[in-house]
Amino acid sequence: MDRAIERLKWKSRRGLLELDLVLERFWKGPGRALTPQEAAALERLLALPDNDLLDLVMRRTESPDARLQPVLDKLRTA
């Protein structure tokens, strides 16, 4: 699991400063205790283009998949 988390942290480096700030706070807080299901959901979110991910985090759009919601909630509160 540690290797998977390190990969997710690497994928968290984005091209938008706003996302970088959100993801940096996430990894310092709730991201330290991800379940395997949350890690899988985060991987799906990180596969999205930057602008789409930012829209989800900023609540400009709704999540297309309810399974992503718990991780989105953690990103939003980080």
N, C-alpha and C. Protein backbone atom coordinates (compact mmCIF):
# COMPACT_ATOMS: atom_id res chain seq x y z
N MET A 1 0.82 -1.20 0.00
CA MET A 1 0.00 0.00 0.00
C MET A 1 0.86 1.26 0.00
N ASP A 2 2.01 1.22 0.69
CA ASP A 2 2.88 2.40 0.74
C ASP A 2 3.34 2.83 -0.65
N ARG A 3 3.66 1.85 -1.46
CA ARG A 3 4.12 2.17 -2.82
C ARG A 3 2.99 2.82 -3.63
N ALA A 4 1.77 2.31 -3.46
CA ALA A 4 0.61 2.88 -4.15
C ALA A 4 0.35 4.31 -3.69
N ILE A 5 0.49 4.55 -2.41
CA ILE A 5 0.29 5.90 -1.88
C ILE A 5 1.35 6.85 -2.43
N GLU A 6 2.57 6.40 -2.50
CA GLU A 6 3.63 7.25 -3.05
C GLU A 6 3.36 7.58 -4.52
N ARG A 7 2.83 6.61 -5.27
CA ARG A 7 2.46 6.86 -6.66
C ARG A 7 1.35 7.91 -6.75
N LEU A 8 0.37 7.79 -5.84
CA LEU A 8 -0.73 8.77 -5.83
C LEU A 8 -0.22 10.16 -5.48
N LYS A 9 0.71 10.24 -4.56
CA LYS A 9 1.28 11.54 -4.21
C LYS A 9 1.99 12.15 -5.42
N TRP A 10 2.69 11.31 -6.16
CA TRP A 10 3.38 11.81 -7.36
C TRP A 10 2.37 12.29 -8.40
N LYS A 11 1.29 11.54 -8.58
CA LYS A 11 0.25 11.94 -9.53
C LYS A 11 -0.50 13.18 -9.06
N SER A 12 -0.38 13.52 -7.79
CA SER A 12 -1.06 14.69 -7.25
C SER A 12 -0.40 16.00 -7.66
N ARG A 13 0.76 15.92 -8.23
CA ARG A 13 1.43 17.14 -8.71
C ARG A 13 0.74 17.55 -10.00
N ARG A 14 0.06 18.68 -9.94
CA ARG A 14 -0.78 19.10 -11.06
C ARG A 14 -0.25 20.37 -11.71
N GLY A 15 -0.91 20.75 -12.81
CA GLY A 15 -0.53 21.95 -13.53
C GLY A 15 -1.22 23.21 -13.04
N LEU A 16 -2.22 23.05 -12.17
CA LEU A 16 -2.94 24.21 -11.65
C LEU A 16 -2.55 24.44 -10.19
N LEU A 17 -2.16 25.65 -9.88
CA LEU A 17 -1.74 25.99 -8.53
C LEU A 17 -2.84 25.68 -7.52
N GLU A 18 -4.09 25.97 -7.88
CA GLU A 18 -5.21 25.73 -6.97
C GLU A 18 -5.28 24.26 -6.57
N LEU A 19 -5.13 23.37 -7.54
CA LEU A 19 -5.15 21.94 -7.24
C LEU A 19 -3.94 21.52 -6.43
N ASP A 20 -2.79 22.05 -6.75
CA ASP A 20 -1.59 21.73 -5.98
C ASP A 20 -1.79 22.08 -4.51
N LEU A 21 -2.39 23.22 -4.25
CA LEU A 21 -2.61 23.65 -2.86
C LEU A 21 -3.61 22.73 -2.15
N VAL A 22 -4.69 22.39 -2.81
CA VAL A 22 -5.69 21.50 -2.22
C VAL A 22 -5.08 20.14 -1.94
N LEU A 23 -4.38 19.59 -2.92
CA LEU A 23 -3.81 18.26 -2.76
C LEU A 23 -2.68 18.25 -1.73
N GLU A 24 -1.92 19.31 -1.63
CA GLU A 24 -0.87 19.38 -0.62
C GLU A 24 -1.47 19.35 0.79
N ARG A 25 -2.54 20.13 1.00
CA ARG A 25 -3.22 20.10 2.30
C ARG A 25 -3.84 18.73 2.57
N PHE A 26 -4.39 18.11 1.52
CA PHE A 26 -4.99 16.79 1.66
C PHE A 26 -3.97 15.78 2.15
N TRP A 27 -2.78 15.77 1.56
CA TRP A 27 -1.76 14.80 1.94
C TRP A 27 -1.19 15.06 3.33
N LYS A 28 -1.26 16.29 3.79
CA LYS A 28 -0.81 16.60 5.15
C LYS A 28 -1.86 16.24 6.19
N GLY A 29 -3.11 16.11 5.75
CA GLY A 29 -4.21 15.83 6.67
C GLY A 29 -4.84 14.48 6.40
N PRO A 30 -6.06 14.48 5.87
CA PRO A 30 -6.80 13.22 5.71
C PRO A 30 -6.17 12.22 4.76
N GLY A 31 -5.31 12.66 3.88
CA GLY A 31 -4.68 11.75 2.94
C GLY A 31 -3.70 10.78 3.58
N ARG A 32 -3.30 11.07 4.82
CA ARG A 32 -2.34 10.18 5.50
C ARG A 32 -2.98 8.85 5.92
N ALA A 33 -4.31 8.79 5.94
CA ALA A 33 -4.99 7.58 6.41
C ALA A 33 -6.02 7.09 5.41
N LEU A 34 -5.61 6.92 4.17
CA LEU A 34 -6.53 6.45 3.13
C LEU A 34 -6.79 4.96 3.23
N THR A 35 -8.03 4.60 3.05
CA THR A 35 -8.37 3.18 2.92
C THR A 35 -8.06 2.75 1.49
N PRO A 36 -7.97 1.46 1.23
CA PRO A 36 -7.76 1.02 -0.16
C PRO A 36 -8.85 1.51 -1.11
N GLN A 37 -10.09 1.56 -0.64
CA GLN A 37 -11.19 2.05 -1.49
C GLN A 37 -11.02 3.54 -1.79
N GLU A 38 -10.61 4.30 -0.79
CA GLU A 38 -10.38 5.73 -1.00
C GLU A 38 -9.20 5.96 -1.94
N ALA A 39 -8.17 5.15 -1.80
CA ALA A 39 -7.01 5.26 -2.68
C ALA A 39 -7.41 4.99 -4.13
N ALA A 40 -8.27 3.99 -4.33
CA ALA A 40 -8.74 3.67 -5.69
C ALA A 40 -9.58 4.82 -6.24
N ALA A 41 -10.42 5.41 -5.40
CA ALA A 41 -11.24 6.54 -5.83
C ALA A 41 -10.36 7.74 -6.17
N LEU A 42 -9.35 7.99 -5.34
CA LEU A 42 -8.44 9.11 -5.61
C LEU A 42 -7.69 8.89 -6.92
N GLU A 43 -7.30 7.66 -7.18
CA GLU A 43 -6.62 7.37 -8.45
C GLU A 43 -7.52 7.70 -9.64
N ARG A 44 -8.78 7.37 -9.53
CA ARG A 44 -9.73 7.71 -10.61
C ARG A 44 -9.87 9.22 -10.76
N LEU A 45 -9.92 9.93 -9.63
CA LEU A 45 -10.02 11.39 -9.70
C LEU A 45 -8.78 12.01 -10.31
N LEU A 46 -7.62 11.49 -9.94
CA LEU A 46 -6.37 12.05 -10.47
C LEU A 46 -6.16 11.76 -11.94
N ALA A 47 -6.93 10.84 -12.49
CA ALA A 47 -6.85 10.56 -13.92
C ALA A 47 -7.61 11.61 -14.74
N LEU A 48 -8.40 12.42 -14.07
CA LEU A 48 -9.16 13.46 -14.77
C LEU A 48 -8.25 14.61 -15.17
N PRO A 49 -8.63 15.33 -16.22
CA PRO A 49 -7.89 16.55 -16.55
C PRO A 49 -7.98 17.56 -15.39
N ASP A 50 -6.98 18.40 -15.28
CA ASP A 50 -6.91 19.35 -14.17
C ASP A 50 -8.18 20.18 -14.00
N ASN A 51 -8.68 20.74 -15.09
CA ASN A 51 -9.85 21.61 -14.98
C ASN A 51 -11.10 20.84 -14.53
N ASP A 52 -11.25 19.61 -14.97
CA ASP A 52 -12.39 18.80 -14.54
C ASP A 52 -12.28 18.47 -13.06
N LEU A 53 -11.08 18.13 -12.61
CA LEU A 53 -10.88 17.82 -11.20
C LEU A 53 -11.12 19.06 -10.34
N LEU A 54 -10.62 20.19 -10.77
CA LEU A 54 -10.84 21.43 -10.02
C LEU A 54 -12.33 21.75 -9.94
N ASP A 55 -13.06 21.57 -11.02
CA ASP A 55 -14.51 21.81 -10.99
C ASP A 55 -15.21 20.91 -9.98
N LEU A 56 -14.79 19.67 -9.87
CA LEU A 56 -15.38 18.76 -8.88
C LEU A 56 -15.03 19.20 -7.46
N VAL A 57 -13.79 19.53 -7.24
CA VAL A 57 -13.35 19.93 -5.90
C VAL A 57 -14.03 21.23 -5.48
N MET A 58 -14.20 22.14 -6.41
CA MET A 58 -14.81 23.44 -6.10
C MET A 58 -16.34 23.41 -6.15
N ARG A 59 -16.90 22.23 -6.37
CA ARG A 59 -18.36 22.03 -6.43
C ARG A 59 -19.03 22.76 -7.58
N ARG A 60 -18.30 22.98 -8.64
CA ARG A 60 -18.88 23.58 -9.84
C ARG A 60 -19.64 22.53 -10.65
N THR A 61 -19.22 21.28 -10.50
CA THR A 61 -19.91 20.15 -11.13
C THR A 61 -20.12 19.06 -10.10
N GLU A 62 -21.03 18.16 -10.40
CA GLU A 62 -21.32 17.04 -9.51
C GLU A 62 -20.49 15.83 -9.91
N SER A 63 -20.22 14.99 -8.94
CA SER A 63 -19.46 13.77 -9.19
C SER A 63 -20.28 12.82 -10.07
N PRO A 64 -19.68 12.29 -11.12
CA PRO A 64 -20.38 11.34 -11.98
C PRO A 64 -20.54 9.96 -11.33
N ASP A 65 -19.84 9.73 -10.23
CA ASP A 65 -19.84 8.43 -9.58
C ASP A 65 -19.90 8.63 -8.07
N ALA A 66 -20.93 8.09 -7.43
CA ALA A 66 -21.12 8.27 -5.99
C ALA A 66 -19.96 7.68 -5.18
N ARG A 67 -19.25 6.71 -5.73
CA ARG A 67 -18.12 6.11 -5.01
C ARG A 67 -16.95 7.08 -4.84
N LEU A 68 -16.93 8.13 -5.64
CA LEU A 68 -15.87 9.13 -5.54
C LEU A 68 -16.17 10.18 -4.47
N GLN A 69 -17.41 10.25 -4.04
CA GLN A 69 -17.85 11.31 -3.14
C GLN A 69 -17.09 11.37 -1.82
N PRO A 70 -16.83 10.24 -1.14
CA PRO A 70 -16.09 10.35 0.13
C PRO A 70 -14.71 10.99 -0.01
N VAL A 71 -14.02 10.68 -1.08
CA VAL A 71 -12.70 11.28 -1.29
C VAL A 71 -12.84 12.74 -1.68
N LEU A 72 -13.83 13.06 -2.47
CA LEU A 72 -14.07 14.47 -2.82
C LEU A 72 -14.36 15.27 -1.56
N ASP A 73 -15.15 14.71 -0.66
CA ASP A 73 -15.46 15.40 0.60
C ASP A 73 -14.18 15.65 1.40
N LYS A 74 -13.28 14.68 1.43
CA LYS A 74 -12.02 14.86 2.15
C LYS A 74 -11.14 15.91 1.47
N LEU A 75 -11.14 15.94 0.14
CA LEU A 75 -10.37 16.95 -0.58
C LEU A 75 -10.93 18.35 -0.28
N ARG A 76 -12.23 18.44 -0.21
CA ARG A 76 -12.88 19.74 0.01
C ARG A 76 -12.66 20.27 1.43
N THR A 77 -12.50 19.39 2.38
CA THR A 77 -12.34 19.84 3.77
C THR A 77 -10.88 19.94 4.19
N ALA A 78 -9.99 19.52 3.33
CA ALA A 78 -8.55 19.56 3.68
C ALA A 78 -8.04 20.98 3.69
